[in-house]
Each structure stands twice: as C-alpha cells, then as structure tokens.
Amino acid sequence: MPRLETLKGADDPFVLKLKAFWRMKKGEYGKAADLLVKVLGENPNDLEAGLNMAIIEIKIGQLDRARKRLRALYERHNEDSQVLDLLRKISG
C-alpha cells in the first residue's frame, strides 16, 4: 500500500477506496467510513464508494440511512444490479 500511495498519492480516490475496503474486511467500519467520506466529498456519484458506505451503514445498524443512500445511488446508477439487489435485501 505505501508504494501505491507514493505512485498515486495518499488522497487518490482509488487508494482511499482500497484502504476503506481493507478496513471493512477488518471490521473497522468507522475508519473505513472516514475514508469513504473523503471520496464521496470529492465525487458524490462514486458508485463503489457509495455501495461500500451503504454496506457499512447496514453493518452498524443504520438501515434508514443505507436505504436512503441506495435509493439515491439507484437514481444515478439504475443499470447497476448491485444497488437494486442490496436495496431489496434490506427492504424486506
């Protein structure tokens, strides 16, 4: 990871999303969310960051927030089946 940060920059969206994914795998949802907030602050339409943030919200019990995020993602990315599948899973 340090080499990638050197090549792309520590604040590069790809680097931040990769670090967030690693944190999620370790169960460090707060730290992962902090990284994804940076990505979404620069690009609110980032599908991957939005999906991962919704997954974090689901994991920490913020289902209403996750539903809202997924609905907004679906409006912008209705061709992506992952968004709709995840929304269906948490909407019962």
N, C-alpha and C. Protein backbone atom coordinates (compact mmCIF):
# COMPACT_ATOMS: atom_id res chain seq x y z
N MET A 1 0.81 -1.20 0.00
CA MET A 1 0.00 0.00 0.00
C MET A 1 0.86 1.27 0.00
N PRO A 2 1.94 1.32 0.77
CA PRO A 2 2.76 2.54 0.75
C PRO A 2 3.28 2.89 -0.64
N ARG A 3 3.64 1.87 -1.40
CA ARG A 3 4.14 2.14 -2.76
C ARG A 3 3.05 2.72 -3.64
N LEU A 4 1.85 2.18 -3.52
CA LEU A 4 0.72 2.70 -4.28
C LEU A 4 0.43 4.15 -3.90
N GLU A 5 0.49 4.43 -2.61
CA GLU A 5 0.30 5.81 -2.15
C GLU A 5 1.35 6.74 -2.74
N THR A 6 2.57 6.27 -2.82
CA THR A 6 3.64 7.07 -3.39
C THR A 6 3.39 7.33 -4.88
N LEU A 7 2.93 6.32 -5.58
CA LEU A 7 2.68 6.45 -7.01
C LEU A 7 1.46 7.31 -7.33
N LYS A 8 0.38 7.07 -6.62
CA LYS A 8 -0.88 7.73 -6.95
C LYS A 8 -1.20 8.92 -6.04
N GLY A 9 -0.64 8.92 -4.85
CA GLY A 9 -0.94 9.95 -3.87
C GLY A 9 -1.87 9.39 -2.80
N ALA A 10 -1.65 9.81 -1.56
CA ALA A 10 -2.42 9.27 -0.43
C ALA A 10 -3.90 9.61 -0.51
N ASP A 11 -4.25 10.71 -1.19
CA ASP A 11 -5.65 11.12 -1.29
C ASP A 11 -6.29 10.74 -2.61
N ASP A 12 -5.64 9.91 -3.39
CA ASP A 12 -6.21 9.44 -4.64
C ASP A 12 -7.45 8.59 -4.33
N PRO A 13 -8.57 8.80 -5.04
CA PRO A 13 -9.79 8.04 -4.74
C PRO A 13 -9.60 6.52 -4.77
N PHE A 14 -8.82 6.03 -5.71
CA PHE A 14 -8.58 4.58 -5.78
C PHE A 14 -7.88 4.09 -4.52
N VAL A 15 -6.88 4.84 -4.08
CA VAL A 15 -6.13 4.48 -2.87
C VAL A 15 -7.05 4.52 -1.66
N LEU A 16 -7.85 5.57 -1.55
CA LEU A 16 -8.76 5.70 -0.41
C LEU A 16 -9.78 4.57 -0.38
N LYS A 17 -10.33 4.22 -1.54
CA LYS A 17 -11.32 3.13 -1.59
C LYS A 17 -10.68 1.79 -1.25
N LEU A 18 -9.47 1.58 -1.70
CA LEU A 18 -8.76 0.34 -1.38
C LEU A 18 -8.49 0.24 0.12
N LYS A 19 -8.06 1.34 0.71
CA LYS A 19 -7.82 1.37 2.16
C LYS A 19 -9.13 1.15 2.92
N ALA A 20 -10.20 1.76 2.44
CA ALA A 20 -11.50 1.59 3.09
C ALA A 20 -11.96 0.14 3.02
N PHE A 21 -11.79 -0.49 1.86
CA PHE A 21 -12.17 -1.89 1.72
C PHE A 21 -11.39 -2.76 2.70
N TRP A 22 -10.10 -2.50 2.83
CA TRP A 22 -9.26 -3.25 3.77
C TRP A 22 -9.77 -3.07 5.20
N ARG A 23 -10.12 -1.83 5.56
CA ARG A 23 -10.65 -1.56 6.91
C ARG A 23 -11.97 -2.29 7.13
N MET A 24 -12.81 -2.30 6.10
CA MET A 24 -14.09 -3.01 6.21
C MET A 24 -13.85 -4.49 6.47
N LYS A 25 -12.91 -5.09 5.76
CA LYS A 25 -12.61 -6.51 5.94
C LYS A 25 -12.15 -6.80 7.36
N LYS A 26 -11.51 -5.82 7.98
CA LYS A 26 -11.02 -5.98 9.36
C LYS A 26 -12.09 -5.61 10.39
N GLY A 27 -13.27 -5.19 9.91
CA GLY A 27 -14.34 -4.80 10.82
C GLY A 27 -14.19 -3.40 11.39
N GLU A 28 -13.30 -2.62 10.83
CA GLU A 28 -13.06 -1.25 11.29
C GLU A 28 -13.93 -0.29 10.48
N TYR A 29 -15.23 -0.36 10.76
CA TYR A 29 -16.20 0.36 9.94
C TYR A 29 -16.09 1.88 10.08
N GLY A 30 -15.79 2.37 11.25
CA GLY A 30 -15.65 3.81 11.44
C GLY A 30 -14.49 4.37 10.64
N LYS A 31 -13.37 3.68 10.67
CA LYS A 31 -12.20 4.13 9.91
C LYS A 31 -12.45 4.02 8.41
N ALA A 32 -13.14 2.97 8.00
CA ALA A 32 -13.47 2.81 6.58
C ALA A 32 -14.41 3.93 6.13
N ALA A 33 -15.40 4.24 6.97
CA ALA A 33 -16.34 5.30 6.62
C ALA A 33 -15.64 6.65 6.48
N ASP A 34 -14.69 6.92 7.35
CA ASP A 34 -13.93 8.18 7.25
C ASP A 34 -13.24 8.30 5.90
N LEU A 35 -12.68 7.22 5.42
CA LEU A 35 -12.01 7.23 4.12
C LEU A 35 -13.01 7.42 2.98
N LEU A 36 -14.15 6.75 3.08
CA LEU A 36 -15.15 6.86 2.03
C LEU A 36 -15.79 8.25 1.99
N VAL A 37 -15.91 8.89 3.15
CA VAL A 37 -16.44 10.26 3.20
C VAL A 37 -15.56 11.18 2.36
N LYS A 38 -14.25 10.96 2.40
CA LYS A 38 -13.34 11.77 1.60
C LYS A 38 -13.60 11.58 0.10
N VAL A 39 -13.78 10.33 -0.29
CA VAL A 39 -14.05 10.03 -1.70
C VAL A 39 -15.37 10.65 -2.13
N LEU A 40 -16.40 10.43 -1.32
CA LEU A 40 -17.73 10.93 -1.67
C LEU A 40 -17.81 12.45 -1.60
N GLY A 41 -16.95 13.06 -0.79
CA GLY A 41 -16.89 14.51 -0.74
C GLY A 41 -16.39 15.09 -2.05
N GLU A 42 -15.49 14.38 -2.69
CA GLU A 42 -14.95 14.80 -4.00
C GLU A 42 -15.86 14.40 -5.15
N ASN A 43 -16.49 13.23 -5.01
CA ASN A 43 -17.35 12.72 -6.07
C ASN A 43 -18.54 11.98 -5.46
N PRO A 44 -19.64 12.71 -5.20
CA PRO A 44 -20.81 12.08 -4.58
C PRO A 44 -21.43 10.98 -5.44
N ASN A 45 -21.08 10.92 -6.72
CA ASN A 45 -21.64 9.91 -7.62
C ASN A 45 -20.79 8.66 -7.74
N ASP A 46 -19.75 8.54 -6.92
CA ASP A 46 -18.87 7.37 -6.99
C ASP A 46 -19.65 6.14 -6.53
N LEU A 47 -19.94 5.26 -7.48
CA LEU A 47 -20.76 4.09 -7.20
C LEU A 47 -20.12 3.16 -6.17
N GLU A 48 -18.87 2.84 -6.38
CA GLU A 48 -18.18 1.91 -5.48
C GLU A 48 -18.12 2.44 -4.05
N ALA A 49 -17.78 3.71 -3.90
CA ALA A 49 -17.72 4.31 -2.56
C ALA A 49 -19.11 4.35 -1.93
N GLY A 50 -20.11 4.68 -2.73
CA GLY A 50 -21.48 4.73 -2.21
C GLY A 50 -21.98 3.37 -1.75
N LEU A 51 -21.71 2.35 -2.55
CA LEU A 51 -22.11 0.99 -2.16
C LEU A 51 -21.41 0.55 -0.88
N ASN A 52 -20.12 0.79 -0.80
CA ASN A 52 -19.40 0.40 0.40
C ASN A 52 -19.86 1.17 1.63
N MET A 53 -20.20 2.44 1.45
CA MET A 53 -20.72 3.22 2.58
C MET A 53 -22.07 2.64 3.01
N ALA A 54 -22.91 2.26 2.06
CA ALA A 54 -24.20 1.65 2.40
C ALA A 54 -23.98 0.34 3.16
N ILE A 55 -23.02 -0.44 2.75
CA ILE A 55 -22.72 -1.70 3.45
C ILE A 55 -22.28 -1.42 4.88
N ILE A 56 -21.46 -0.41 5.06
CA ILE A 56 -21.05 -0.03 6.42
C ILE A 56 -22.27 0.37 7.24
N GLU A 57 -23.13 1.18 6.65
CA GLU A 57 -24.34 1.63 7.37
C GLU A 57 -25.21 0.44 7.76
N ILE A 58 -25.30 -0.54 6.89
CA ILE A 58 -26.07 -1.75 7.21
C ILE A 58 -25.40 -2.50 8.37
N LYS A 59 -24.10 -2.66 8.30
CA LYS A 59 -23.36 -3.39 9.33
C LYS A 59 -23.48 -2.75 10.71
N ILE A 60 -23.57 -1.41 10.75
CA ILE A 60 -23.65 -0.73 12.05
C ILE A 60 -25.09 -0.40 12.44
N GLY A 61 -26.05 -0.92 11.67
CA GLY A 61 -27.45 -0.79 12.04
C GLY A 61 -28.14 0.49 11.61
N GLN A 62 -27.54 1.23 10.72
CA GLN A 62 -28.16 2.46 10.22
C GLN A 62 -28.91 2.16 8.92
N LEU A 63 -29.97 1.36 9.04
CA LEU A 63 -30.68 0.88 7.86
C LEU A 63 -31.40 1.99 7.11
N ASP A 64 -31.99 2.93 7.82
CA ASP A 64 -32.68 4.03 7.13
C ASP A 64 -31.70 4.84 6.29
N ARG A 65 -30.55 5.10 6.86
CA ARG A 65 -29.52 5.85 6.13
C ARG A 65 -29.04 5.06 4.92
N ALA A 66 -28.86 3.75 5.09
CA ALA A 66 -28.43 2.90 3.98
C ALA A 66 -29.48 2.88 2.87
N ARG A 67 -30.75 2.76 3.24
CA ARG A 67 -31.83 2.78 2.24
C ARG A 67 -31.83 4.08 1.45
N LYS A 68 -31.70 5.18 2.16
CA LYS A 68 -31.68 6.50 1.51
C LYS A 68 -30.50 6.59 0.54
N ARG A 69 -29.35 6.15 0.97
CA ARG A 69 -28.16 6.19 0.12
C ARG A 69 -28.35 5.30 -1.11
N LEU A 70 -28.88 4.11 -0.91
CA LEU A 70 -29.07 3.18 -2.02
C LEU A 70 -30.12 3.69 -3.01
N ARG A 71 -31.17 4.31 -2.51
CA ARG A 71 -32.17 4.89 -3.42
C ARG A 71 -31.55 5.99 -4.28
N ALA A 72 -30.74 6.83 -3.65
CA ALA A 72 -30.06 7.90 -4.39
C ALA A 72 -29.09 7.31 -5.41
N LEU A 73 -28.38 6.27 -5.02
CA LEU A 73 -27.47 5.61 -5.96
C LEU A 73 -28.24 5.00 -7.13
N TYR A 74 -29.39 4.41 -6.83
CA TYR A 74 -30.19 3.78 -7.88
C TYR A 74 -30.68 4.81 -8.89
N GLU A 75 -31.02 6.00 -8.41
CA GLU A 75 -31.46 7.06 -9.33
C GLU A 75 -30.36 7.41 -10.32
N ARG A 76 -29.12 7.36 -9.89
CA ARG A 76 -27.99 7.73 -10.75
C ARG A 76 -27.38 6.54 -11.49
N HIS A 77 -27.55 5.35 -10.93
CA HIS A 77 -26.90 4.16 -11.50
C HIS A 77 -27.92 3.02 -11.60
N ASN A 78 -29.05 3.26 -12.24
CA ASN A 78 -30.10 2.23 -12.27
C ASN A 78 -29.74 1.02 -13.13
N GLU A 79 -28.62 1.10 -13.85
CA GLU A 79 -28.17 -0.04 -14.64
C GLU A 79 -27.35 -1.03 -13.80
N ASP A 80 -27.02 -0.64 -12.58
CA ASP A 80 -26.18 -1.49 -11.74
C ASP A 80 -27.04 -2.38 -10.86
N SER A 81 -26.95 -3.68 -11.07
CA SER A 81 -27.81 -4.61 -10.34
C SER A 81 -27.44 -4.71 -8.86
N GLN A 82 -26.20 -4.41 -8.50
CA GLN A 82 -25.79 -4.49 -7.10
C GLN A 82 -26.60 -3.54 -6.22
N VAL A 83 -26.85 -2.36 -6.73
CA VAL A 83 -27.59 -1.36 -5.96
C VAL A 83 -28.99 -1.88 -5.66
N LEU A 84 -29.69 -2.33 -6.69
CA LEU A 84 -31.05 -2.82 -6.51
C LEU A 84 -31.08 -4.07 -5.64
N ASP A 85 -30.15 -4.97 -5.83
CA ASP A 85 -30.10 -6.20 -5.02
C ASP A 85 -29.92 -5.88 -3.54
N LEU A 86 -29.02 -4.97 -3.24
CA LEU A 86 -28.76 -4.61 -1.84
C LEU A 86 -29.97 -3.89 -1.25
N LEU A 87 -30.59 -3.03 -2.03
CA LEU A 87 -31.79 -2.33 -1.56
C LEU A 87 -32.91 -3.32 -1.26
N ARG A 88 -33.09 -4.29 -2.11
CA ARG A 88 -34.12 -5.32 -1.88
C ARG A 88 -33.84 -6.12 -0.61
N LYS A 89 -32.59 -6.44 -0.38
CA LYS A 89 -32.23 -7.24 0.80
C LYS A 89 -32.56 -6.53 2.10
N ILE A 90 -32.38 -5.22 2.14
CA ILE A 90 -32.62 -4.52 3.41
C ILE A 90 -34.03 -3.94 3.50
N SER A 91 -34.79 -4.05 2.42
CA SER A 91 -36.15 -3.52 2.44
C SER A 91 -37.17 -4.61 2.72
N GLY A 92 -36.70 -5.80 2.95
CA GLY A 92 -37.57 -6.88 3.33
C GLY A 92 -38.23 -7.52 2.17
